[in-house]
PDB file of N, CA and C in Angstrom:
ATOM      1  N   MET A   1      28.891 224.694 140.298  1.00  0.00           N
ATOM      2  CA  MET A   1      28.123 224.726 139.068  1.00  0.00           C
ATOM      3  C   MET A   1      28.526 223.534 138.204  1.00  0.00           C
ATOM      4  N   THR A   2      27.559 222.910 137.575  1.00  0.00           N
ATOM      5  CA  THR A   2      27.802 221.805 136.664  1.00  0.00           C
ATOM      6  C   THR A   2      27.583 222.310 135.242  1.00  0.00           C
ATOM      7  N   ARG A   3      28.638 222.255 134.443  1.00  0.00           N
ATOM      8  CA  ARG A   3      28.598 222.803 133.087  1.00  0.00           C
ATOM      9  C   ARG A   3      28.352 221.688 132.082  1.00  0.00           C
ATOM     10  N   ILE A   4      27.419 221.917 131.156  1.00  0.00           N
ATOM     11  CA  ILE A   4      27.141 220.973 130.083  1.00  0.00           C
ATOM     12  C   ILE A   4      28.123 221.267 128.951  1.00  0.00           C
ATOM     13  N   LEU A   5      28.812 220.232 128.499  1.00  0.00           N
ATOM     14  CA  LEU A   5      29.889 220.391 127.522  1.00  0.00           C
ATOM     15  C   LEU A   5      29.429 220.185 126.087  1.00  0.00           C
ATOM     16  N   GLU A   6      30.071 220.869 125.186  1.00  0.00           N
ATOM     17  CA  GLU A   6      29.944 220.691 123.736  1.00  0.00           C
ATOM     18  C   GLU A   6      28.510 220.592 123.235  1.00  0.00           C
ATOM     19  N   CYS A   7      27.756 221.634 123.472  1.00  0.00           N
ATOM     20  CA  CYS A   7      26.386 221.716 122.982  1.00  0.00           C
ATOM     21  C   CYS A   7      26.416 221.926 121.465  1.00  0.00           C
ATOM     22  N   ASN A   8      25.701 221.101 120.728  1.00  0.00           N
ATOM     23  CA  ASN A   8      25.677 221.200 119.271  1.00  0.00           C
ATOM     24  C   ASN A   8      24.727 222.278 118.764  1.00  0.00           C
ATOM     25  N   LEU A   9      23.906 222.824 119.631  1.00  0.00           N
ATOM     26  CA  LEU A   9      22.906 223.792 119.200  1.00  0.00           C
ATOM     27  C   LEU A   9      23.407 225.229 119.174  1.00  0.00           C
ATOM     28  N   HIS A  10      24.578 225.463 119.757  1.00  0.00           N
ATOM     29  CA  HIS A  10      25.079 226.828 119.859  1.00  0.00           C
ATOM     30  C   HIS A  10      26.493 226.915 119.302  1.00  0.00           C
ATOM     31  N   ALA A  11      26.743 227.950 118.538  1.00  0.00           N
ATOM     32  CA  ALA A  11      28.055 228.122 117.896  1.00  0.00           C
ATOM     33  C   ALA A  11      29.189 228.168 118.911  1.00  0.00           C
ATOM     34  N   THR A  12      28.913 228.655 120.099  1.00  0.00           N
ATOM     35  CA  THR A  12      29.950 228.753 121.127  1.00  0.00           C
ATOM     36  C   THR A  12      30.241 227.401 121.772  1.00  0.00           C
ATOM     37  N   GLY A  13      29.348 226.429 121.613  1.00  0.00           N
ATOM     38  CA  GLY A  13      29.517 225.135 122.270  1.00  0.00           C
ATOM     39  C   GLY A  13      29.050 225.139 123.713  1.00  0.00           C
ATOM     40  N   GLU A  14      28.665 226.298 124.217  1.00  0.00           N
ATOM     41  CA  GLU A  14      28.184 226.417 125.594  1.00  0.00           C
ATOM     42  C   GLU A  14      26.672 226.201 125.621  1.00  0.00           C
ATOM     43  N   CYS A  15      26.227 225.308 126.460  1.00  0.00           N
ATOM     44  CA  CYS A  15      24.800 225.048 126.592  1.00  0.00           C
ATOM     45  C   CYS A  15      24.167 226.109 127.492  1.00  0.00           C
ATOM     46  N   PRO A  16      23.034 226.664 127.081  1.00  0.00           N
ATOM     47  CA  PRO A  16      22.379 227.678 127.904  1.00  0.00           C
ATOM     48  C   PRO A  16      21.614 227.081 129.087  1.00  0.00           C
ATOM     49  N   ALA A  17      21.431 225.759 129.095  1.00  0.00           N
ATOM     50  CA  ALA A  17      20.660 225.124 130.163  1.00  0.00           C
ATOM     51  C   ALA A  17      21.491 225.017 131.441  1.00  0.00           C
ATOM     52  N   ASP A  18      20.807 225.002 132.558  1.00  0.00           N
ATOM     53  CA  ASP A  18      21.419 224.814 133.870  1.00  0.00           C
ATOM     54  C   ASP A  18      21.189 223.362 134.270  1.00  0.00           C
ATOM     55  N   TRP A  19      22.260 222.563 134.327  1.00  0.00           N
ATOM     56  CA  TRP A  19      22.133 221.127 134.598  1.00  0.00           C
ATOM     57  C   TRP A  19      21.341 220.862 135.874  1.00  0.00           C
ATOM     58  N   ASP A  20      21.550 221.649 136.897  1.00  0.00           N
ATOM     59  CA  ASP A  20      20.876 221.446 138.172  1.00  0.00           C
ATOM     60  C   ASP A  20      19.366 221.648 138.086  1.00  0.00           C
ATOM     61  N   LYS A  21      18.907 222.362 137.061  1.00  0.00           N
ATOM     62  CA  LYS A  21      17.475 222.621 136.907  1.00  0.00           C
ATOM     63  C   LYS A  21      16.817 221.706 135.881  1.00  0.00           C
ATOM     64  N   LEU A  22      17.601 220.850 135.218  1.00  0.00           N
ATOM     65  CA  LEU A  22      17.031 219.936 134.237  1.00  0.00           C
ATOM     66  C   LEU A  22      16.257 218.828 134.945  1.00  0.00           C
ATOM     67  N   PRO A  23      15.191 218.322 134.304  1.00  0.00           N
ATOM     68  CA  PRO A  23      14.426 217.234 134.926  1.00  0.00           C
ATOM     69  C   PRO A  23      15.226 215.931 134.972  1.00  0.00           C
ATOM     70  N   LEU A  24      15.022 215.172 136.023  1.00  0.00           N
ATOM     71  CA  LEU A  24      15.686 213.879 136.179  1.00  0.00           C
ATOM     72  C   LEU A  24      15.254 212.918 135.078  1.00  0.00           C
ATOM     73  N   ALA A  25      16.181 212.032 134.702  1.00  0.00           N
ATOM     74  CA  ALA A  25      15.883 211.020 133.685  1.00  0.00           C
ATOM     75  C   ALA A  25      16.039 209.633 134.287  1.00  0.00           C
ATOM     76  N   GLY A  26      15.478 209.414 135.443  1.00  0.00           N
ATOM     77  CA  GLY A  26      15.489 208.100 136.064  1.00  0.00           C
ATOM     78  C   GLY A  26      16.583 207.876 137.086  1.00  0.00           C
ATOM     79  N   GLU A  27      17.755 208.460 136.900  1.00  0.00           N
ATOM     80  CA  GLU A  27      18.855 208.313 137.843  1.00  0.00           C
ATOM     81  C   GLU A  27      19.354 209.694 138.237  1.00  0.00           C
ATOM     82  N   HIS A  28      20.001 209.794 139.404  1.00  0.00           N
ATOM     83  CA  HIS A  28      20.395 211.113 139.904  1.00  0.00           C
ATOM     84  C   HIS A  28      21.503 211.773 139.082  1.00  0.00           C
ATOM     85  N   ASP A  29      22.276 210.999 138.299  1.00  0.00           N
ATOM     86  CA  ASP A  29      23.350 211.588 137.484  1.00  0.00           C
ATOM     87  C   ASP A  29      22.984 211.725 136.018  1.00  0.00           C
ATOM     88  N   ILE A  30      21.706 211.525 135.691  1.00  0.00           N
ATOM     89  CA  ILE A  30      21.251 211.680 134.310  1.00  0.00           C
ATOM     90  C   ILE A  30      20.049 212.614 134.312  1.00  0.00           C
ATOM     91  N   ARG A  31      20.117 213.617 133.468  1.00  0.00           N
ATOM     92  CA  ARG A  31      19.012 214.570 133.327  1.00  0.00           C
ATOM     93  C   ARG A  31      18.679 214.712 131.853  1.00  0.00           C
ATOM     94  N   VAL A  32      17.550 215.329 131.554  1.00  0.00           N
ATOM     95  CA  VAL A  32      17.145 215.553 130.167  1.00  0.00           C
ATOM     96  C   VAL A  32      17.233 217.036 129.867  1.00  0.00           C
ATOM     97  N   CYS A  33      17.980 217.377 128.813  1.00  0.00           N
ATOM     98  CA  CYS A  33      18.101 218.779 128.411  1.00  0.00           C
ATOM     99  C   CYS A  33      16.783 219.231 127.801  1.00  0.00           C
ATOM    100  N   THR A  34      16.257 220.322 128.294  1.00  0.00           N
ATOM    101  CA  THR A  34      14.992 220.853 127.782  1.00  0.00           C
ATOM    102  C   THR A  34      15.193 221.648 126.500  1.00  0.00           C
ATOM    103  N   VAL A  35      16.452 221.851 126.100  1.00  0.00           N
ATOM    104  CA  VAL A  35      16.754 222.563 124.856  1.00  0.00           C
ATOM    105  C   VAL A  35      16.884 221.572 123.694  1.00  0.00           C
ATOM    106  N   CYS A  36      17.738 220.546 123.858  1.00  0.00           N
ATOM    107  CA  CYS A  36      17.972 219.589 122.766  1.00  0.00           C
ATOM    108  C   CYS A  36      17.236 218.266 122.969  1.00  0.00           C
ATOM    109  N   LEU A  37      16.626 218.067 124.146  1.00  0.00           N
ATOM    110  CA  LEU A  37      15.858 216.870 124.482  1.00  0.00           C
ATOM    111  C   LEU A  37      16.693 215.593 124.520  1.00  0.00           C
ATOM    112  N   LYS A  38      17.984 215.727 124.831  1.00  0.00           N
ATOM    113  CA  LYS A  38      18.863 214.572 124.953  1.00  0.00           C
ATOM    114  C   LYS A  38      19.238 214.353 126.415  1.00  0.00           C
ATOM    115  N   ALA A  39      19.603 213.114 126.727  1.00  0.00           N
ATOM    116  CA  ALA A  39      20.072 212.800 128.070  1.00  0.00           C
ATOM    117  C   ALA A  39      21.438 213.431 128.278  1.00  0.00           C
ATOM    118  N   VAL A  40      21.647 213.978 129.462  1.00  0.00           N
ATOM    119  CA  VAL A  40      22.923 214.591 129.828  1.00  0.00           C
ATOM    120  C   VAL A  40      23.437 213.854 131.061  1.00  0.00           C
ATOM    121  N   TYR A  41      24.632 213.307 130.951  1.00  0.00           N
ATOM    122  CA  TYR A  41      25.230 212.521 132.027  1.00  0.00           C
ATOM    123  C   TYR A  41      26.205 213.380 132.823  1.00  0.00           C
ATOM    124  N   ARG A  42      26.008 213.470 134.134  1.00  0.00           N
ATOM    125  CA  ARG A  42      26.953 214.188 134.987  1.00  0.00           C
ATOM    126  C   ARG A  42      28.130 213.260 135.252  1.00  0.00           C
ATOM    127  N   CYS A  43      29.319 213.738 134.934  1.00  0.00           N
ATOM    128  CA  CYS A  43      30.533 212.936 135.064  1.00  0.00           C
ATOM    129  C   CYS A  43      31.371 213.447 136.232  1.00  0.00           C
ATOM    130  N   PRO A  44      32.066 212.542 136.913  1.00  0.00           N
ATOM    131  CA  PRO A  44      32.856 212.943 138.080  1.00  0.00           C
ATOM    132  C   PRO A  44      34.121 213.711 137.729  1.00  0.00           C
ATOM    133  N   ASN A  45      34.575 213.607 136.472  1.00  0.00           N
ATOM    134  CA  ASN A  45      35.803 214.311 136.075  1.00  0.00           C
ATOM    135  C   ASN A  45      35.824 214.499 134.556  1.00  0.00           C
ATOM    136  N   ALA A  46      36.778 215.288 134.086  1.00  0.00           N
ATOM    137  CA  ALA A  46      36.871 215.623 132.666  1.00  0.00           C
ATOM    138  C   ALA A  46      37.175 214.398 131.799  1.00  0.00           C
ATOM    139  N   GLU A  47      37.936 213.447 132.319  1.00  0.00           N
ATOM    140  CA  GLU A  47      38.256 212.243 131.540  1.00  0.00           C
ATOM    141  C   GLU A  47      37.006 211.419 131.256  1.00  0.00           C
ATOM    142  N   ASP A  48      36.165 211.240 132.260  1.00  0.00           N
ATOM    143  CA  ASP A  48      34.915 210.509 132.061  1.00  0.00           C
ATOM    144  C   ASP A  48      33.996 211.267 131.100  1.00  0.00           C
ATOM    145  N   ALA A  49      33.984 212.582 131.200  1.00  0.00           N
ATOM    146  CA  ALA A  49      33.173 213.391 130.299  1.00  0.00           C
ATOM    147  C   ALA A  49      33.641 213.215 128.851  1.00  0.00           C
ATOM    148  N   LYS A  50      34.944 213.160 128.625  1.00  0.00           N
ATOM    149  CA  LYS A  50      35.469 212.954 127.270  1.00  0.00           C
ATOM    150  C   LYS A  50      35.022 211.612 126.714  1.00  0.00           C
ATOM    151  N   LEU A  51      34.986 210.581 127.559  1.00  0.00           N
ATOM    152  CA  LEU A  51      34.523 209.264 127.114  1.00  0.00           C
ATOM    153  C   LEU A  51      33.052 209.297 126.723  1.00  0.00           C
ATOM    154  N   ARG A  52      32.245 209.980 127.509  1.00  0.00           N
ATOM    155  CA  ARG A  52      30.818 210.130 127.180  1.00  0.00           C
ATOM    156  C   ARG A  52      30.641 210.863 125.853  1.00  0.00           C
ATOM    157  N   LEU A  53      31.368 211.959 125.695  1.00  0.00           N
ATOM    158  CA  LEU A  53      31.276 212.738 124.460  1.00  0.00           C
ATOM    159  C   LEU A  53      31.714 211.908 123.256  1.00  0.00           C
ATOM    160  N   ALA A  54      32.781 211.131 123.408  1.00  0.00           N
ATOM    161  CA  ALA A  54      33.277 210.288 122.318  1.00  0.00           C
ATOM    162  C   ALA A  54      32.253 209.223 121.923  1.00  0.00           C
ATOM    163  N   ALA A  55      31.424 208.809 122.880  1.00  0.00           N
ATOM    164  CA  ALA A  55      30.390 207.812 122.617  1.00  0.00           C
ATOM    165  C   ALA A  55      29.125 208.444 122.022  1.00  0.00           C
ATOM    166  N   GLY A  56      29.139 209.769 121.850  1.00  0.00           N
ATOM    167  CA  GLY A  56      28.000 210.458 121.267  1.00  0.00           C
ATOM    168  C   GLY A  56      26.967 210.934 122.267  1.00  0.00           C
ATOM    169  N   HIS A  57      27.276 210.838 123.555  1.00  0.00           N
ATOM    170  CA  HIS A  57      26.362 211.296 124.590  1.00  0.00           C
ATOM    171  C   HIS A  57      26.626 212.762 124.926  1.00  0.00           C
ATOM    172  N   ARG A  58      25.717 213.358 125.654  1.00  0.00           N
ATOM    173  CA  ARG A  58      25.916 214.683 126.222  1.00  0.00           C
ATOM    174  C   ARG A  58      26.521 214.478 127.603  1.00  0.00           C
ATOM    175  N   ALA A  59      27.437 215.349 127.987  1.00  0.00           N
ATOM    176  CA  ALA A  59      28.113 215.202 129.273  1.00  0.00           C
ATOM    177  C   ALA A  59      28.159 216.535 130.003  1.00  0.00           C
ATOM    178  N   ALA A  60      28.173 216.433 131.322  1.00  0.00           N
ATOM    179  CA  ALA A  60      28.301 217.606 132.169  1.00  0.00           C
ATOM    180  C   ALA A  60      29.338 217.282 133.228  1.00  0.00           C
ATOM    181  N   VAL A  61      30.086 218.302 133.610  1.00  0.00           N
ATOM    182  CA  VAL A  61      31.115 218.106 134.625  1.00  0.00           C
ATOM    183  C   VAL A  61      31.066 219.278 135.595  1.00  0.00           C
ATOM    184  N   GLU A  62      31.243 218.974 136.871  1.00  0.00           N
ATOM    185  CA  GLU A  62      31.209 220.007 137.894  1.00  0.00           C
ATOM    186  C   GLU A  62      32.514 220.798 137.868  1.00  0.00           C
ATOM    187  N   GLU A  63      32.389 222.097 137.969  1.00  0.00           N
ATOM    188  CA  GLU A  63      33.579 222.955 137.959  1.00  0.00           C
ATOM    189  C   GLU A  63      33.915 223.418 139.338  1.00  0.00           C
TER     190      GLU A  63
END
């Protein structure tokens, strides 16, 4: 399962969307969230995800 991190739309920070079901955004590791309409980048590890989040992007990491 690929979990979307730090969703701003929910108090829990957990995104209700399923990354695997989101529409592609041009590349296989980028999808568009149908809830917040932002690009979500699949990251290979938690460190890369933290960098994406720090840059203001949405990030997802496989668990």
